[in-house]
C-alpha atoms as a PDB file:
ATOM      1  CA  MET A   1      -8.020   7.121 -31.470  1.00  0.00           C
ATOM      2  CA  ILE A   2      -6.808   4.630 -29.093  1.00  0.00           C
ATOM      3  CA  ARG A   3      -6.496   2.184 -31.827  1.00  0.00           C
ATOM      4  CA  THR A   4      -4.149   4.679 -33.917  1.00  0.00           C
ATOM      5  CA  VAL A   5      -2.036   5.837 -30.626  1.00  0.00           C
ATOM      6  CA  THR A   6      -1.557   1.566 -30.359  1.00  0.00           C
ATOM      7  CA  ARG A   7      -0.425   1.458 -33.897  1.00  0.00           C
ATOM      8  CA  THR A   8       1.849   4.262 -33.801  1.00  0.00           C
ATOM      9  CA  ILE A   9       3.200   3.019 -30.033  1.00  0.00           C
ATOM     10  CA  GLY A  10       3.668  -0.821 -31.528  1.00  0.00           C
ATOM     11  CA  LEU A  11       5.864   0.790 -34.574  1.00  0.00           C
ATOM     12  CA  LEU A  12       8.143   2.700 -32.028  1.00  0.00           C
ATOM     13  CA  ALA A  13       8.543  -0.090 -30.187  1.00  0.00           C
ATOM     14  CA  LEU A  14       9.596  -2.609 -32.971  1.00  0.00           C
ATOM     15  CA  GLY A  15      11.583  -0.282 -34.414  1.00  0.00           C
ATOM     16  CA  LEU A  16      13.632   0.433 -31.227  1.00  0.00           C
ATOM     17  CA  ALA A  17      13.983  -3.490 -31.024  1.00  0.00           C
ATOM     18  CA  LEU A  18      15.501  -3.780 -34.401  1.00  0.00           C
ATOM     19  CA  ALA A  19      18.229  -0.725 -33.376  1.00  0.00           C
ATOM     20  CA  ALA A  20      19.787  -3.582 -31.157  1.00  0.00           C
ATOM     21  CA  PRO A  21      22.943  -5.399 -32.394  1.00  0.00           C
ATOM     22  CA  ALA A  22      21.510  -8.495 -34.552  1.00  0.00           C
ATOM     23  CA  SER A  23      24.593 -10.759 -32.826  1.00  0.00           C
ATOM     24  CA  ALA A  24      24.474  -9.398 -29.754  1.00  0.00           C
ATOM     25  CA  GLN A  25      23.672 -11.598 -26.856  1.00  0.00           C
ATOM     26  CA  PRO A  26      20.504 -10.930 -24.724  1.00  0.00           C
ATOM     27  CA  VAL A  27      21.573 -10.507 -20.949  1.00  0.00           C
ATOM     28  CA  GLN A  28      18.513 -11.512 -18.963  1.00  0.00           C
ATOM     29  CA  SER A  29      16.984  -9.914 -15.761  1.00  0.00           C
ATOM     30  CA  LEU A  30      14.181  -9.692 -13.274  1.00  0.00           C
ATOM     31  CA  HIS A  31      12.407  -6.693 -12.638  1.00  0.00           C
ATOM     32  CA  LEU A  32       9.765  -6.499  -9.387  1.00  0.00           C
ATOM     33  CA  GLY A  33       8.296  -3.284  -8.545  1.00  0.00           C
ATOM     34  CA  VAL A  34       5.685  -1.568  -6.108  1.00  0.00           C
ATOM     35  CA  GLY A  35       3.644   1.631  -6.408  1.00  0.00           C
ATOM     36  CA  VAL A  36       0.812   3.529  -7.321  1.00  0.00           C
ATOM     37  CA  PHE A  37      -1.746   3.707  -9.526  1.00  0.00           C
ATOM     38  CA  SER A  38      -3.445   6.788 -10.330  1.00  0.00           C
ATOM     39  CA  PRO A  39      -6.723   6.648 -12.398  1.00  0.00           C
ATOM     40  CA  ARG A  40      -7.231   9.324 -15.254  1.00  0.00           C
ATOM     41  CA  GLY A  41      -9.062  12.696 -14.266  1.00  0.00           C
ATOM     42  CA  PHE A  42     -12.831  13.537 -14.286  1.00  0.00           C
ATOM     43  CA  ASP A  43     -12.135  15.728 -17.105  1.00  0.00           C
ATOM     44  CA  SER A  44     -10.032  13.813 -18.980  1.00  0.00           C
ATOM     45  CA  ARG A  45     -11.948  10.343 -19.098  1.00  0.00           C
ATOM     46  CA  VAL A  46     -13.301   9.009 -22.266  1.00  0.00           C
ATOM     47  CA  GLU A  47     -17.210   9.554 -23.418  1.00  0.00           C
ATOM     48  CA  GLY A  48     -19.269   7.448 -22.027  1.00  0.00           C
ATOM     49  CA  ASP A  49     -17.469   6.547 -18.919  1.00  0.00           C
ATOM     50  CA  VAL A  50     -19.370   5.064 -16.405  1.00  0.00           C
ATOM     51  CA  LEU A  51     -17.766   6.491 -13.471  1.00  0.00           C
ATOM     52  CA  VAL A  52     -18.415   9.645 -14.466  1.00  0.00           C
ATOM     53  CA  GLU A  53     -21.876   8.902 -15.489  1.00  0.00           C
ATOM     54  CA  ASN A  54     -22.451   8.078 -11.744  1.00  0.00           C
ATOM     55  CA  LEU A  55     -21.403  11.263 -10.233  1.00  0.00           C
ATOM     56  CA  THR A  56     -23.323  13.602 -12.859  1.00  0.00           C
ATOM     57  CA  THR A  57     -26.455  11.337 -13.675  1.00  0.00           C
ATOM     58  CA  PHE A  58     -30.258  12.278 -12.720  1.00  0.00           C
ATOM     59  CA  GLU A  59     -29.773  10.733  -9.122  1.00  0.00           C
ATOM     60  CA  PRO A  60     -25.940  10.775  -8.522  1.00  0.00           C
ATOM     61  CA  LEU A  61     -23.505   9.260  -6.365  1.00  0.00           C
ATOM     62  CA  LEU A  62     -20.906  10.786  -4.170  1.00  0.00           C
ATOM     63  CA  PHE A  63     -17.474   9.620  -4.440  1.00  0.00           C
ATOM     64  CA  ARG A  64     -14.520  11.010  -6.391  1.00  0.00           C
ATOM     65  CA  ILE A  65     -12.483   9.447  -9.320  1.00  0.00           C
ATOM     66  CA  GLU A  66      -9.123   9.968  -7.079  1.00  0.00           C
ATOM     67  CA  ASP A  67     -10.404   7.398  -4.476  1.00  0.00           C
ATOM     68  CA  PHE A  68      -9.699   4.811  -6.993  1.00  0.00           C
ATOM     69  CA  ARG A  69      -6.153   5.373  -6.455  1.00  0.00           C
ATOM     70  CA  ASN A  70      -4.685   2.646  -5.028  1.00  0.00           C
ATOM     71  CA  ALA A  71      -1.052   0.133  -4.832  1.00  0.00           C
ATOM     72  CA  ASN A  72      -0.057  -2.154  -7.573  1.00  0.00           C
ATOM     73  CA  VAL A  73       2.587  -4.505  -8.024  1.00  0.00           C
ATOM     74  CA  LEU A  74       4.390  -5.290 -11.496  1.00  0.00           C
ATOM     75  CA  GLY A  75       7.016  -8.019 -12.206  1.00  0.00           C
ATOM     76  CA  GLU A  76       8.900  -8.071 -15.379  1.00  0.00           C
ATOM     77  CA  TRP A  77      11.133 -10.677 -17.408  1.00  0.00           C
ATOM     78  CA  GLN A  78      13.705  -8.473 -19.851  1.00  0.00           C
ATOM     79  CA  LEU A  79      16.337  -9.003 -22.100  1.00  0.00           C
ATOM     80  CA  ALA A  80      19.109  -6.420 -22.868  1.00  0.00           C
ATOM     81  CA  PHE A  81      20.601  -6.285 -26.266  1.00  0.00           C
ATOM     82  CA  GLY A  82      23.859  -4.441 -26.365  1.00  0.00           C
ATOM     83  CA  ASP A  83      24.062  -1.496 -24.012  1.00  0.00           C
ATOM     84  CA  ARG A  84      20.838   0.562 -24.553  1.00  0.00           C
ATOM     85  CA  VAL A  85      18.080  -1.570 -25.719  1.00  0.00           C
ATOM     86  CA  GLU A  86      15.939  -3.673 -23.507  1.00  0.00           C
ATOM     87  CA  VAL A  87      12.641  -5.690 -24.693  1.00  0.00           C
ATOM     88  CA  ALA A  88      10.530  -6.727 -21.424  1.00  0.00           C
ATOM     89  CA  ALA A  89       7.272  -8.620 -21.097  1.00  0.00           C
ATOM     90  CA  GLY A  90       5.623  -8.210 -17.835  1.00  0.00           C
ATOM     91  CA  VAL A  91       2.256  -8.099 -15.941  1.00  0.00           C
ATOM     92  CA  GLY A  92       0.890  -6.217 -13.111  1.00  0.00           C
ATOM     93  CA  TYR A  93      -2.037  -5.987 -10.539  1.00  0.00           C
ATOM     94  CA  TYR A  94      -4.307  -3.409  -9.453  1.00  0.00           C
ATOM     95  CA  SER A  95      -7.517  -3.577  -7.352  1.00  0.00           C
ATOM     96  CA  GLU A  96      -9.882  -0.990  -5.381  1.00  0.00           C
ATOM     97  CA  SER A  97     -13.113  -0.668  -4.005  1.00  0.00           C
ATOM     98  CA  VAL A  98     -14.648   2.735  -3.392  1.00  0.00           C
ATOM     99  CA  PRO A  99     -17.525   2.913  -1.466  1.00  0.00           C
ATOM    100  CA  SER A 100     -20.774   5.399  -2.118  1.00  0.00           C
ATOM    101  CA  VAL A 101     -23.674   6.808  -1.484  1.00  0.00           C
ATOM    102  CA  TYR A 102     -26.709   8.684  -3.184  1.00  0.00           C
ATOM    103  CA  ARG A 103     -25.760  12.521  -2.732  1.00  0.00           C
ATOM    104  CA  GLU A 104     -29.287  13.660  -2.660  1.00  0.00           C
ATOM    105  CA  LEU A 105     -31.181  10.351  -1.774  1.00  0.00           C
ATOM    106  CA  ILE A 106     -31.867   8.461   2.028  1.00  0.00           C
ATOM    107  CA  ASP A 107     -33.361   5.968   2.822  1.00  0.00           C
ATOM    108  CA  GLN A 108     -37.037   6.592   4.848  1.00  0.00           C
ATOM    109  CA  ASP A 109     -35.241   5.540   8.198  1.00  0.00           C
ATOM    110  CA  GLY A 110     -32.970   8.115   7.264  1.00  0.00           C
ATOM    111  CA  THR A 111     -30.001   6.020   6.705  1.00  0.00           C
ATOM    112  CA  GLU A 112     -27.820   6.338   3.696  1.00  0.00           C
ATOM    113  CA  ILE A 113     -28.005   4.056   0.712  1.00  0.00           C
ATOM    114  CA  THR A 114     -24.869   2.475   0.142  1.00  0.00           C
ATOM    115  CA  GLN A 115     -22.764   0.933  -2.612  1.00  0.00           C
ATOM    116  CA  ASP A 116     -19.546  -0.274  -3.757  1.00  0.00           C
ATOM    117  CA  LEU A 117     -17.741   0.289  -6.814  1.00  0.00           C
ATOM    118  CA  LYS A 118     -14.991  -2.028  -7.473  1.00  0.00           C
ATOM    119  CA  LEU A 119     -12.216  -2.159 -10.315  1.00  0.00           C
ATOM    120  CA  ARG A 120      -9.862  -4.575 -11.101  1.00  0.00           C
ATOM    121  CA  ILE A 121      -6.993  -4.346 -13.538  1.00  0.00           C
ATOM    122  CA  VAL A 122      -4.204  -6.653 -14.597  1.00  0.00           C
ATOM    123  CA  PRO A 123      -1.900  -5.196 -17.492  1.00  0.00           C
ATOM    124  CA  ILE A 124      -0.224  -7.659 -19.278  1.00  0.00           C
ATOM    125  CA  THR A 125       2.649  -5.806 -21.098  1.00  0.00           C
ATOM    126  CA  GLY A 126       5.196  -5.947 -23.210  1.00  0.00           C
ATOM    127  CA  VAL A 127       7.865  -2.815 -23.763  1.00  0.00           C
ATOM    128  CA  VAL A 128      10.871  -1.795 -25.106  1.00  0.00           C
ATOM    129  CA  ARG A 129      13.425   0.194 -22.930  1.00  0.00           C
ATOM    130  CA  PHE A 130      16.045   2.840 -24.417  1.00  0.00           C
ATOM    131  CA  MET A 131      18.969   4.122 -22.518  1.00  0.00           C
ATOM    132  CA  PRO A 132      20.899   6.719 -24.296  1.00  0.00           C
ATOM    133  CA  PHE A 133      23.765   6.674 -22.082  1.00  0.00           C
ATOM    134  CA  GLY A 134      24.053   2.427 -21.830  1.00  0.00           C
ATOM    135  CA  ARG A 135      24.463   0.071 -19.030  1.00  0.00           C
ATOM    136  CA  ALA A 136      27.794   1.569 -18.222  1.00  0.00           C
ATOM    137  CA  SER A 137      27.100   4.656 -16.605  1.00  0.00           C
ATOM    138  CA  ASP A 138      26.466   5.370 -12.701  1.00  0.00           C
ATOM    139  CA  ILE A 139      22.665   6.591 -13.120  1.00  0.00           C
ATOM    140  CA  GLN A 140      20.803   4.840 -16.192  1.00  0.00           C
ATOM    141  CA  PRO A 141      17.702   7.199 -17.135  1.00  0.00           C
ATOM    142  CA  TYR A 142      15.591   5.586 -20.088  1.00  0.00           C
ATOM    143  CA  VAL A 143      12.746   5.969 -22.054  1.00  0.00           C
ATOM    144  CA  GLY A 144      10.132   3.056 -23.576  1.00  0.00           C
ATOM    145  CA  ALA A 145       6.810   2.291 -25.180  1.00  0.00           C
ATOM    146  CA  GLY A 146       5.077  -0.804 -25.892  1.00  0.00           C
ATOM    147  CA  ILE A 147       1.324  -2.534 -26.092  1.00  0.00           C
ATOM    148  CA  GLY A 148      -0.653  -3.483 -23.058  1.00  0.00           C
ATOM    149  CA  ALA A 149      -3.554  -6.075 -22.623  1.00  0.00           C
ATOM    150  CA  PHE A 150      -5.593  -5.027 -19.796  1.00  0.00           C
ATOM    151  CA  ASN A 151      -7.917  -7.490 -18.327  1.00  0.00           C
ATOM    152  CA  TRP A 152     -10.236  -5.815 -15.957  1.00  0.00           C
ATOM    153  CA  ARG A 153     -13.501  -6.266 -14.057  1.00  0.00           C
ATOM    154  CA  TYR A 154     -15.804  -3.768 -12.879  1.00  0.00           C
ATOM    155  CA  THR A 155     -18.413  -4.274 -10.294  1.00  0.00           C
ATOM    156  CA  GLU A 156     -21.093  -2.321  -8.631  1.00  0.00           C
ATOM    157  CA  SER A 157     -23.022  -3.518  -5.710  1.00  0.00           C
ATOM    158  CA  GLY A 158     -25.453  -2.717  -2.790  1.00  0.00           C
ATOM    159  CA  GLU A 159     -28.471  -0.512  -2.674  1.00  0.00           C
ATOM    160  CA  PHE A 160     -29.858   1.345  -5.741  1.00  0.00           C
ATOM    161  CA  VAL A 161     -33.141   3.198  -6.646  1.00  0.00           C
ATOM    162  CA  ASP A 162     -35.301   2.665  -9.394  1.00  0.00           C
ATOM    163  CA  THR A 163     -35.797   6.270 -10.664  1.00  0.00           C
ATOM    164  CA  PHE A 164     -39.390   5.579 -11.889  1.00  0.00           C
ATOM    165  CA  ASP A 165     -40.742   4.554  -8.985  1.00  0.00           C
ATOM    166  CA  PHE A 166     -37.749   5.504  -6.166  1.00  0.00           C
ATOM    167  CA  THR A 167     -37.922   1.906  -4.687  1.00  0.00           C
ATOM    168  CA  ILE A 168     -34.926   0.598  -3.436  1.00  0.00           C
ATOM    169  CA  PHE A 169     -33.712  -2.770  -4.086  1.00  0.00           C
ATOM    170  CA  GLU A 170     -30.525  -4.715  -3.855  1.00  0.00           C
ATOM    171  CA  ASP A 171     -28.316  -5.550  -6.668  1.00  0.00           C
ATOM    172  CA  ARG A 172     -24.749  -6.659  -7.971  1.00  0.00           C
ATOM    173  CA  PHE A 173     -23.856  -5.502 -11.674  1.00  0.00           C
ATOM    174  CA  VAL A 174     -20.332  -7.164 -13.037  1.00  0.00           C
ATOM    175  CA  ALA A 175     -18.641  -6.528 -16.171  1.00  0.00           C
ATOM    176  CA  SER A 176     -15.478  -7.800 -17.306  1.00  0.00           C
ATOM    177  CA  GLY A 177     -13.085  -8.130 -20.229  1.00  0.00           C
ATOM    178  CA  THR A 178      -9.713  -7.593 -21.915  1.00  0.00           C
ATOM    179  CA  ASP A 179      -8.833  -4.720 -24.029  1.00  0.00           C
ATOM    180  CA  PHE A 180      -5.382  -3.474 -25.416  1.00  0.00           C
ATOM    181  CA  GLY A 181      -4.073  -0.076 -25.582  1.00  0.00           C
ATOM    182  CA  PRO A 182      -0.284   1.708 -25.486  1.00  0.00           C
ATOM    183  CA  VAL A 183       1.927   1.965 -22.767  1.00  0.00           C
ATOM    184  CA  VAL A 184       4.821   4.859 -22.508  1.00  0.00           C
ATOM    185  CA  LEU A 185       7.114   5.324 -20.092  1.00  0.00           C
ATOM    186  CA  GLY A 186      10.279   6.852 -18.649  1.00  0.00           C
ATOM    187  CA  GLY A 187      12.416   6.172 -15.581  1.00  0.00           C
ATOM    188  CA  VAL A 188      16.021   5.852 -14.196  1.00  0.00           C
ATOM    189  CA  ARG A 189      17.695   2.909 -12.789  1.00  0.00           C
ATOM    190  CA  ILE A 190      20.637   2.942 -10.637  1.00  0.00           C
ATOM    191  CA  PRO A 191      23.152   0.416 -10.167  1.00  0.00           C
ATOM    192  CA  LEU A 192      23.854  -0.842  -6.755  1.00  0.00           C
ATOM    193  CA  GLY A 193      27.358  -2.361  -5.829  1.00  0.00           C
ATOM    194  CA  GLY A 194      27.969  -3.558  -9.559  1.00  0.00           C
ATOM    195  CA  ASP A 195      26.074  -4.752 -12.499  1.00  0.00           C
ATOM    196  CA  ILE A 196      23.709  -7.535 -11.079  1.00  0.00           C
ATOM    197  CA  TYR A 197      21.627  -5.448  -8.891  1.00  0.00           C
ATOM    198  CA  GLY A 198      19.936  -2.070  -9.277  1.00  0.00           C
ATOM    199  CA  LEU A 199      17.263   0.064  -8.092  1.00  0.00           C
ATOM    200  CA  THR A 200      14.656   1.838 -10.469  1.00  0.00           C
ATOM    201  CA  LEU A 201      12.052   4.632 -10.118  1.00  0.00           C
ATOM    202  CA  GLU A 202       9.539   4.666 -13.266  1.00  0.00           C
ATOM    203  CA  TYR A 203       6.368   6.195 -14.235  1.00  0.00           C
ATOM    204  CA  ARG A 204       4.177   4.560 -16.828  1.00  0.00           C
ATOM    205  CA  TYR A 205       1.109   5.581 -18.481  1.00  0.00           C
ATOM    206  CA  GLN A 206      -1.434   3.734 -20.461  1.00  0.00           C
ATOM    207  CA  ILE A 207      -4.360   4.234 -22.511  1.00  0.00           C
ATOM    208  CA  ALA A 208      -7.321   1.910 -22.689  1.00  0.00           C
ATOM    209  CA  GLU A 209     -11.052   1.432 -22.394  1.00  0.00           C
ATOM    210  CA  GLY A 210     -13.360  -1.304 -21.957  1.00  0.00           C
ATOM    211  CA  GLU A 211     -17.016  -1.687 -22.313  1.00  0.00           C
ATOM    212  CA  THR A 212     -19.888  -2.249 -19.674  1.00  0.00           C
ATOM    213  CA  GLY A 213     -22.727  -3.420 -21.623  1.00  0.00           C
ATOM    214  CA  GLY A 214     -24.413  -0.189 -21.048  1.00  0.00           C
ATOM    215  CA  PHE A 215     -28.159  -0.588 -19.653  1.00  0.00           C
ATOM    216  CA  ASP A 216     -28.994  -3.797 -20.697  1.00  0.00           C
ATOM    217  CA  ASN A 217     -25.935  -5.270 -18.078  1.00  0.00           C
ATOM    218  CA  GLY A 218     -27.425  -2.872 -15.270  1.00  0.00           C
ATOM    219  CA  PHE A 219     -24.745   0.001 -16.030  1.00  0.00           C
ATOM    220  CA  LEU A 220     -25.606   3.707 -16.495  1.00  0.00           C
ATOM    221  CA  ALA A 221     -23.057   4.184 -19.398  1.00  0.00           C
ATOM    222  CA  ASP A 222     -21.409   2.142 -22.216  1.00  0.00           C
ATOM    223  CA  ALA A 223     -17.492   2.773 -21.453  1.00  0.00           C
ATOM    224  CA  ILE A 224     -15.200   2.424 -18.383  1.00  0.00           C
ATOM    225  CA  ASP A 225     -11.657   4.263 -18.833  1.00  0.00           C
ATOM    226  CA  LEU A 226      -9.043   1.685 -17.801  1.00  0.00           C
ATOM    227  CA  SER A 227      -6.025   4.649 -18.611  1.00  0.00           C
ATOM    228  CA  GLY A 228      -3.867   6.174 -15.818  1.00  0.00           C
ATOM    229  CA  GLY A 229      -0.735   6.392 -14.313  1.00  0.00           C
ATOM    230  CA  ASN A 230       2.001   4.003 -12.594  1.00  0.00           C
ATOM    231  CA  PHE A 231       4.642   4.982 -10.570  1.00  0.00           C
ATOM    232  CA  ASN A 232       6.897   2.294  -9.254  1.00  0.00           C
ATOM    233  CA  VAL A 233       9.458   1.537  -7.398  1.00  0.00           C
ATOM    234  CA  GLY A 234      11.535  -1.653  -8.430  1.00  0.00           C
ATOM    235  CA  PHE A 235      14.420  -3.680  -7.611  1.00  0.00           C
ATOM    236  CA  LEU A 236      16.291  -5.332 -10.930  1.00  0.00           C
ATOM    237  CA  ILE A 237      18.415  -8.817 -10.810  1.00  0.00           C
ATOM    238  CA  ARG A 238      20.498  -9.484 -13.489  1.00  0.00           C
ATOM    239  CA  PHE A 239      21.644 -13.162 -14.486  1.00  0.00           C
END
């Protein structure tokens, strides 16, 4: 499913890029943003997601998917072709560590059995933006689409319970990889005192999933859902 959506978004992005005038000289700009990444919710995550499995297993952990919401940063280099089409390459960074405990188990001394669940995502994206009213308007809404390579790392560390004999042990399990998926976005750009500087408000949604290695790697499930939405406030400088 993700591969089909990725192919469709890629064809759309290519079509928008080809729609730019071939003779137009590109205008370069630097776009820097900061915002919040919100992962896909419990009910809509991919089948076999490790976070969902941690919450619903025989001895579940106690945390919330929403706890993984955290700040992200974004940097992009943009090329504008004509008045309505831009092509951009960018990189972002998101990381969050969520504490958890076993929902129904405690240690013999009455203390909680604690873990830390950490997810890091570094998206490297290529997108095409289309501005229906052009860059000459006072407020410049736009839509866009593209492809992302999502470098990620997921870690579970701390105390764990062996469900066969209920002994408690300390360990650290790590999975990482780079996986591809589509990105769709929409936003508005507000020029500041001319055509050189601008303020941007943008929402983008990414769809991707990685493989944890499952039981062979110490995890309860084979997948990690990397999908979610980013709301960013940015600053644009044209050259």
